[in-house]
Amino acid sequence: MVQLAVAGDIAEAEELRTILRQAGIESEVAPAVEHHPREVEDVPQKVLVSEAELEAAQNAIEALSEPDELFDAE
């Protein structure tokens, strides 16, 4: 798996995964930074896809999102 993007939090990562799922692309999420297990704050998340699907995933995100709205989950 290779990194496609870094989302600011889990909600943003899930938005990206939804776009990828609609395009038929499997993805995973992993914390982008180390944090203490007792911390409750949301940390940035890496969105990972298979290397073979990286270009298709980039195209799907560009095609299915507005440039200024990609991370407007607030």
PDB file of N, CA and C in Angstrom:
ATOM      1  N   MET A   1       0.851  -1.180   0.000  1.00  0.00           N
ATOM      2  CA  MET A   1       0.000   0.000   0.000  1.00  0.00           C
ATOM      3  C   MET A   1       0.899   1.246   0.000  1.00  0.00           C
ATOM      4  N   VAL A   2       0.452   2.248  -0.737  1.00  0.00           N
ATOM      5  CA  VAL A   2       1.188   3.510  -0.821  1.00  0.00           C
ATOM      6  C   VAL A   2       0.272   4.644  -0.387  1.00  0.00           C
ATOM      7  N   GLN A   3       0.891   5.734   0.062  1.00  0.00           N
ATOM      8  CA  GLN A   3       0.123   6.878   0.547  1.00  0.00           C
ATOM      9  C   GLN A   3      -0.449   7.682  -0.608  1.00  0.00           C
ATOM     10  N   LEU A   4      -1.743   7.865  -0.581  1.00  0.00           N
ATOM     11  CA  LEU A   4      -2.441   8.684  -1.572  1.00  0.00           C
ATOM     12  C   LEU A   4      -2.561  10.118  -1.077  1.00  0.00           C
ATOM     13  N   ALA A   5      -2.922  10.281   0.199  1.00  0.00           N
ATOM     14  CA  ALA A   5      -3.171  11.610   0.748  1.00  0.00           C
ATOM     15  C   ALA A   5      -3.042  11.565   2.258  1.00  0.00           C
ATOM     16  N   VAL A   6      -2.948  12.750   2.858  1.00  0.00           N
ATOM     17  CA  VAL A   6      -3.010  12.883   4.314  1.00  0.00           C
ATOM     18  C   VAL A   6      -4.211  13.763   4.625  1.00  0.00           C
ATOM     19  N   ALA A   7      -5.123  13.210   5.401  1.00  0.00           N
ATOM     20  CA  ALA A   7      -6.329  13.946   5.807  1.00  0.00           C
ATOM     21  C   ALA A   7      -6.104  14.509   7.201  1.00  0.00           C
ATOM     22  N   GLY A   8      -6.740  15.623   7.490  1.00  0.00           N
ATOM     23  CA  GLY A   8      -6.573  16.279   8.784  1.00  0.00           C
ATOM     24  C   GLY A   8      -7.114  15.498   9.958  1.00  0.00           C
ATOM     25  N   ASP A   9      -8.109  14.649   9.697  1.00  0.00           N
ATOM     26  CA  ASP A   9      -8.697  13.842  10.763  1.00  0.00           C
ATOM     27  C   ASP A   9      -9.425  12.651  10.155  1.00  0.00           C
ATOM     28  N   ILE A  10     -10.018  11.850  11.001  1.00  0.00           N
ATOM     29  CA  ILE A  10     -10.691  10.637  10.531  1.00  0.00           C
ATOM     30  C   ILE A  10     -11.866  10.965   9.615  1.00  0.00           C
ATOM     31  N   ALA A  11     -12.612  12.019   9.927  1.00  0.00           N
ATOM     32  CA  ALA A  11     -13.768  12.382   9.097  1.00  0.00           C
ATOM     33  C   ALA A  11     -13.331  12.697   7.662  1.00  0.00           C
ATOM     34  N   GLU A  12     -12.261  13.453   7.522  1.00  0.00           N
ATOM     35  CA  GLU A  12     -11.763  13.779   6.183  1.00  0.00           C
ATOM     36  C   GLU A  12     -11.260  12.525   5.474  1.00  0.00           C
ATOM     37  N   ALA A  13     -10.590  11.661   6.217  1.00  0.00           N
ATOM     38  CA  ALA A  13     -10.099  10.414   5.630  1.00  0.00           C
ATOM     39  C   ALA A  13     -11.262   9.570   5.125  1.00  0.00           C
ATOM     40  N   GLU A  14     -12.343   9.524   5.894  1.00  0.00           N
ATOM     41  CA  GLU A  14     -13.513   8.743   5.477  1.00  0.00           C
ATOM     42  C   GLU A  14     -14.182   9.355   4.249  1.00  0.00           C
ATOM     43  N   GLU A  15     -14.164  10.681   4.128  1.00  0.00           N
ATOM     44  CA  GLU A  15     -14.695  11.315   2.919  1.00  0.00           C
ATOM     45  C   GLU A  15     -13.911  10.853   1.693  1.00  0.00           C
ATOM     46  N   LEU A  16     -12.597  10.834   1.816  1.00  0.00           N
ATOM     47  CA  LEU A  16     -11.754  10.375   0.704  1.00  0.00           C
ATOM     48  C   LEU A  16     -12.018   8.903   0.397  1.00  0.00           C
ATOM     49  N   ARG A  17     -12.156   8.092   1.438  1.00  0.00           N
ATOM     50  CA  ARG A  17     -12.427   6.664   1.229  1.00  0.00           C
ATOM     51  C   ARG A  17     -13.771   6.456   0.541  1.00  0.00           C
ATOM     52  N   THR A  18     -14.754   7.298   0.843  1.00  0.00           N
ATOM     53  CA  THR A  18     -16.057   7.195   0.188  1.00  0.00           C
ATOM     54  C   THR A  18     -15.918   7.461  -1.308  1.00  0.00           C
ATOM     55  N   ILE A  19     -15.163   8.495  -1.656  1.00  0.00           N
ATOM     56  CA  ILE A  19     -14.923   8.803  -3.074  1.00  0.00           C
ATOM     57  C   ILE A  19     -14.241   7.615  -3.752  1.00  0.00           C
ATOM     58  N   LEU A  20     -13.236   7.063  -3.094  1.00  0.00           N
ATOM     59  CA  LEU A  20     -12.517   5.926  -3.675  1.00  0.00           C
ATOM     60  C   LEU A  20     -13.427   4.705  -3.818  1.00  0.00           C
ATOM     61  N   ARG A  21     -14.241   4.454  -2.799  1.00  0.00           N
ATOM     62  CA  ARG A  21     -15.166   3.310  -2.832  1.00  0.00           C
ATOM     63  C   ARG A  21     -16.135   3.454  -4.009  1.00  0.00           C
ATOM     64  N   GLN A  22     -16.619   4.684  -4.260  1.00  0.00           N
ATOM     65  CA  GLN A  22     -17.529   4.920  -5.382  1.00  0.00           C
ATOM     66  C   GLN A  22     -16.851   4.634  -6.711  1.00  0.00           C
ATOM     67  N   ALA A  23     -15.521   4.779  -6.746  1.00  0.00           N
ATOM     68  CA  ALA A  23     -14.764   4.506  -7.967  1.00  0.00           C
ATOM     69  C   ALA A  23     -14.292   3.051  -8.022  1.00  0.00           C
ATOM     70  N   GLY A  24     -14.671   2.253  -7.026  1.00  0.00           N
ATOM     71  CA  GLY A  24     -14.289   0.845  -7.012  1.00  0.00           C
ATOM     72  C   GLY A  24     -12.862   0.599  -6.561  1.00  0.00           C
ATOM     73  N   ILE A  25     -12.305   1.530  -5.787  1.00  0.00           N
ATOM     74  CA  ILE A  25     -10.916   1.424  -5.339  1.00  0.00           C
ATOM     75  C   ILE A  25     -10.892   1.176  -3.836  1.00  0.00           C
ATOM     76  N   GLU A  26     -10.225   0.106  -3.436  1.00  0.00           N
ATOM     77  CA  GLU A  26     -10.088  -0.224  -2.021  1.00  0.00           C
ATOM     78  C   GLU A  26      -9.026   0.676  -1.393  1.00  0.00           C
ATOM     79  N   SER A  27      -9.231   1.049  -0.135  1.00  0.00           N
ATOM     80  CA  SER A  27      -8.264   1.889   0.559  1.00  0.00           C
ATOM     81  C   SER A  27      -8.232   1.528   2.035  1.00  0.00           C
ATOM     82  N   GLU A  28      -7.183   2.006   2.688  1.00  0.00           N
ATOM     83  CA  GLU A  28      -7.023   1.821   4.125  1.00  0.00           C
ATOM     84  C   GLU A  28      -6.655   3.169   4.733  1.00  0.00           C
ATOM     85  N   VAL A  29      -6.831   3.280   6.049  1.00  0.00           N
ATOM     86  CA  VAL A  29      -6.469   4.492   6.766  1.00  0.00           C
ATOM     87  C   VAL A  29      -5.511   4.101   7.880  1.00  0.00           C
ATOM     88  N   ALA A  30      -4.488   4.946   8.089  1.00  0.00           N
ATOM     89  CA  ALA A  30      -3.532   4.726   9.172  1.00  0.00           C
ATOM     90  C   ALA A  30      -3.150   6.088   9.751  1.00  0.00           C
ATOM     91  N   PRO A  31      -2.861   6.143  11.051  1.00  0.00           N
ATOM     92  CA  PRO A  31      -2.436   7.419  11.638  1.00  0.00           C
ATOM     93  C   PRO A  31      -1.194   7.951  10.926  1.00  0.00           C
ATOM     94  N   ALA A  32      -1.172   9.243  10.675  1.00  0.00           N
ATOM     95  CA  ALA A  32      -0.030   9.853   9.988  1.00  0.00           C
ATOM     96  C   ALA A  32       1.061  10.265  10.968  1.00  0.00           C
ATOM     97  N   VAL A  33       0.732  10.314  12.249  1.00  0.00           N
ATOM     98  CA  VAL A  33       1.707  10.695  13.268  1.00  0.00           C
ATOM     99  C   VAL A  33       1.590   9.753  14.459  1.00  0.00           C
ATOM    100  N   GLU A  34       2.680   9.623  15.190  1.00  0.00           N
ATOM    101  CA  GLU A  34       2.664   8.845  16.425  1.00  0.00           C
ATOM    102  C   GLU A  34       1.948   9.666  17.497  1.00  0.00           C
ATOM    103  N   HIS A  35       1.134   9.011  18.305  1.00  0.00           N
ATOM    104  CA  HIS A  35       0.499   9.718  19.410  1.00  0.00           C
ATOM    105  C   HIS A  35       0.339   8.770  20.585  1.00  0.00           C
ATOM    106  N   HIS A  36       0.213   9.338  21.736  1.00  0.00           N
ATOM    107  CA  HIS A  36       0.080   8.549  22.955  1.00  0.00           C
ATOM    108  C   HIS A  36      -1.276   7.844  22.937  1.00  0.00           C
ATOM    109  N   PRO A  37      -1.312   6.569  23.306  1.00  0.00           N
ATOM    110  CA  PRO A  37      -2.584   5.810  23.249  1.00  0.00           C
ATOM    111  C   PRO A  37      -3.717   6.399  24.078  1.00  0.00           C
ATOM    112  N   ARG A  38      -3.410   7.177  25.106  1.00  0.00           N
ATOM    113  CA  ARG A  38      -4.462   7.765  25.941  1.00  0.00           C
ATOM    114  C   ARG A  38      -4.953   9.104  25.425  1.00  0.00           C
ATOM    115  N   GLU A  39      -4.329   9.636  24.393  1.00  0.00           N
ATOM    116  CA  GLU A  39      -4.801  10.895  23.823  1.00  0.00           C
ATOM    117  C   GLU A  39      -6.121  10.651  23.102  1.00  0.00           C
ATOM    118  N   VAL A  40      -7.034  11.593  23.226  1.00  0.00           N
ATOM    119  CA  VAL A  40      -8.343  11.410  22.615  1.00  0.00           C
ATOM    120  C   VAL A  40      -8.543  12.280  21.375  1.00  0.00           C
ATOM    121  N   GLU A  41      -7.605  13.185  21.118  1.00  0.00           N
ATOM    122  CA  GLU A  41      -7.781  14.050  19.967  1.00  0.00           C
ATOM    123  C   GLU A  41      -7.598  13.273  18.670  1.00  0.00           C
ATOM    124  N   ASP A  42      -8.258  13.737  17.650  1.00  0.00           N
ATOM    125  CA  ASP A  42      -8.178  13.146  16.329  1.00  0.00           C
ATOM    126  C   ASP A  42      -6.852  13.556  15.701  1.00  0.00           C
ATOM    127  N   VAL A  43      -6.138  12.611  15.151  1.00  0.00           N
ATOM    128  CA  VAL A  43      -4.843  12.912  14.530  1.00  0.00           C
ATOM    129  C   VAL A  43      -4.958  12.799  13.015  1.00  0.00           C
ATOM    130  N   PRO A  44      -4.045  13.439  12.287  1.00  0.00           N
ATOM    131  CA  PRO A  44      -4.064  13.299  10.828  1.00  0.00           C
ATOM    132  C   PRO A  44      -3.981  11.821  10.423  1.00  0.00           C
ATOM    133  N   GLN A  45      -4.624  11.509   9.311  1.00  0.00           N
ATOM    134  CA  GLN A  45      -4.698  10.127   8.838  1.00  0.00           C
ATOM    135  C   GLN A  45      -4.139  10.011   7.425  1.00  0.00           C
ATOM    136  N   LYS A  46      -3.370   8.957   7.186  1.00  0.00           N
ATOM    137  CA  LYS A  46      -2.902   8.656   5.837  1.00  0.00           C
ATOM    138  C   LYS A  46      -3.962   7.802   5.157  1.00  0.00           C
ATOM    139  N   VAL A  47      -4.271   8.118   3.914  1.00  0.00           N
ATOM    140  CA  VAL A  47      -5.161   7.287   3.109  1.00  0.00           C
ATOM    141  C   VAL A  47      -4.251   6.502   2.171  1.00  0.00           C
ATOM    142  N   LEU A  48      -4.347   5.184   2.251  1.00  0.00           N
ATOM    143  CA  LEU A  48      -3.471   4.296   1.508  1.00  0.00           C
ATOM    144  C   LEU A  48      -4.250   3.513   0.457  1.00  0.00           C
ATOM    145  N   VAL A  49      -3.630   3.326  -0.698  1.00  0.00           N
ATOM    146  CA  VAL A  49      -4.199   2.506  -1.771  1.00  0.00           C
ATOM    147  C   VAL A  49      -3.096   1.613  -2.314  1.00  0.00           C
ATOM    148  N   SER A  50      -3.481   0.599  -3.076  1.00  0.00           N
ATOM    149  CA  SER A  50      -2.453  -0.248  -3.677  1.00  0.00           C
ATOM    150  C   SER A  50      -1.691   0.567  -4.712  1.00  0.00           C
ATOM    151  N   GLU A  51      -0.417   0.264  -4.866  1.00  0.00           N
ATOM    152  CA  GLU A  51       0.416   1.017  -5.801  1.00  0.00           C
ATOM    153  C   GLU A  51      -0.129   0.942  -7.220  1.00  0.00           C
ATOM    154  N   ALA A  52      -0.717  -0.190  -7.577  1.00  0.00           N
ATOM    155  CA  ALA A  52      -1.277  -0.365  -8.924  1.00  0.00           C
ATOM    156  C   ALA A  52      -2.466   0.559  -9.176  1.00  0.00           C
ATOM    157  N   GLU A  53      -3.158   0.976  -8.111  1.00  0.00           N
ATOM    158  CA  GLU A  53      -4.342   1.827  -8.264  1.00  0.00           C
ATOM    159  C   GLU A  53      -4.097   3.291  -7.908  1.00  0.00           C
ATOM    160  N   LEU A  54      -2.847   3.660  -7.649  1.00  0.00           N
ATOM    161  CA  LEU A  54      -2.540   5.015  -7.209  1.00  0.00           C
ATOM    162  C   LEU A  54      -3.006   6.065  -8.212  1.00  0.00           C
ATOM    163  N   GLU A  55      -2.673   5.905  -9.472  1.00  0.00           N
ATOM    164  CA  GLU A  55      -3.064   6.909 -10.476  1.00  0.00           C
ATOM    165  C   GLU A  55      -4.577   6.981 -10.623  1.00  0.00           C
ATOM    166  N   ALA A  56      -5.240   5.837 -10.644  1.00  0.00           N
ATOM    167  CA  ALA A  56      -6.704   5.821 -10.751  1.00  0.00           C
ATOM    168  C   ALA A  56      -7.330   6.490  -9.525  1.00  0.00           C
ATOM    169  N   ALA A  57      -6.749   6.278  -8.357  1.00  0.00           N
ATOM    170  CA  ALA A  57      -7.267   6.882  -7.130  1.00  0.00           C
ATOM    171  C   ALA A  57      -7.104   8.402  -7.167  1.00  0.00           C
ATOM    172  N   GLN A  58      -5.947   8.878  -7.638  1.00  0.00           N
ATOM    173  CA  GLN A  58      -5.738  10.318  -7.756  1.00  0.00           C
ATOM    174  C   GLN A  58      -6.754  10.926  -8.715  1.00  0.00           C
ATOM    175  N   ASN A  59      -6.977  10.252  -9.839  1.00  0.00           N
ATOM    176  CA  ASN A  59      -7.941  10.741 -10.821  1.00  0.00           C
ATOM    177  C   ASN A  59      -9.355  10.753 -10.255  1.00  0.00           C
ATOM    178  N   ALA A  60      -9.719   9.723  -9.500  1.00  0.00           N
ATOM    179  CA  ALA A  60     -11.063   9.639  -8.914  1.00  0.00           C
ATOM    180  C   ALA A  60     -11.306  10.783  -7.945  1.00  0.00           C
ATOM    181  N   ILE A  61     -10.318  11.082  -7.115  1.00  0.00           N
ATOM    182  CA  ILE A  61     -10.480  12.161  -6.148  1.00  0.00           C
ATOM    183  C   ILE A  61     -10.592  13.501  -6.862  1.00  0.00           C
ATOM    184  N   GLU A  62      -9.772  13.716  -7.880  1.00  0.00           N
ATOM    185  CA  GLU A  62      -9.847  14.968  -8.631  1.00  0.00           C
ATOM    186  C   GLU A  62     -11.186  15.102  -9.344  1.00  0.00           C
ATOM    187  N   ALA A  63     -11.685  14.015  -9.924  1.00  0.00           N
ATOM    188  CA  ALA A  63     -12.921  14.058 -10.700  1.00  0.00           C
ATOM    189  C   ALA A  63     -14.164  14.204  -9.826  1.00  0.00           C
ATOM    190  N   LEU A  64     -14.131  13.644  -8.620  1.00  0.00           N
ATOM    191  CA  LEU A  64     -15.325  13.600  -7.785  1.00  0.00           C
ATOM    192  C   LEU A  64     -15.327  14.605  -6.638  1.00  0.00           C
ATOM    193  N   SER A  65     -14.402  15.546  -6.654  1.00  0.00           N
ATOM    194  CA  SER A  65     -14.376  16.542  -5.588  1.00  0.00           C
ATOM    195  C   SER A  65     -14.137  17.917  -6.159  1.00  0.00           C
ATOM    196  N   GLU A  66     -14.660  18.892  -5.467  1.00  0.00           N
ATOM    197  CA  GLU A  66     -14.417  20.286  -5.813  1.00  0.00           C
ATOM    198  C   GLU A  66     -13.087  20.669  -5.181  1.00  0.00           C
ATOM    199  N   PRO A  67     -12.197  21.341  -5.880  1.00  0.00           N
ATOM    200  CA  PRO A  67     -10.882  21.664  -5.316  1.00  0.00           C
ATOM    201  C   PRO A  67     -10.924  22.350  -3.955  1.00  0.00           C
ATOM    202  N   ASP A  68     -11.834  23.312  -3.767  1.00  0.00           N
ATOM    203  CA  ASP A  68     -11.891  24.029  -2.502  1.00  0.00           C
ATOM    204  C   ASP A  68     -12.755  23.338  -1.458  1.00  0.00           C
ATOM    205  N   GLU A  69     -13.472  22.311  -1.851  1.00  0.00           N
ATOM    206  CA  GLU A  69     -14.405  21.663  -0.929  1.00  0.00           C
ATOM    207  C   GLU A  69     -13.930  20.303  -0.450  1.00  0.00           C
ATOM    208  N   LEU A  70     -12.794  19.830  -0.930  1.00  0.00           N
ATOM    209  CA  LEU A  70     -12.332  18.478  -0.608  1.00  0.00           C
ATOM    210  C   LEU A  70     -12.274  18.234   0.892  1.00  0.00           C
ATOM    211  N   PHE A  71     -11.788  19.194   1.667  1.00  0.00           N
ATOM    212  CA  PHE A  71     -11.638  18.989   3.085  1.00  0.00           C
ATOM    213  C   PHE A  71     -12.547  19.886   3.917  1.00  0.00           C
ATOM    214  N   ASP A  72     -13.634  20.367   3.328  1.00  0.00           N
ATOM    215  CA  ASP A  72     -14.575  21.202   4.067  1.00  0.00           C
ATOM    216  C   ASP A  72     -15.624  20.345   4.766  1.00  0.00           C
ATOM    217  N   ALA A  73     -15.226  19.679   5.819  1.00  0.00           N
ATOM    218  CA  ALA A  73     -16.153  18.819   6.563  1.00  0.00           C
ATOM    219  C   ALA A  73     -16.711  19.538   7.773  1.00  0.00           C
ATOM    220  N   GLU A  74     -16.258  20.741   8.026  1.00  0.00           N
ATOM    221  CA  GLU A  74     -16.671  21.443   9.242  1.00  0.00           C
ATOM    222  C   GLU A  74     -17.953  22.194   9.045  1.00  0.00           C
TER     223      GLU A  74
END
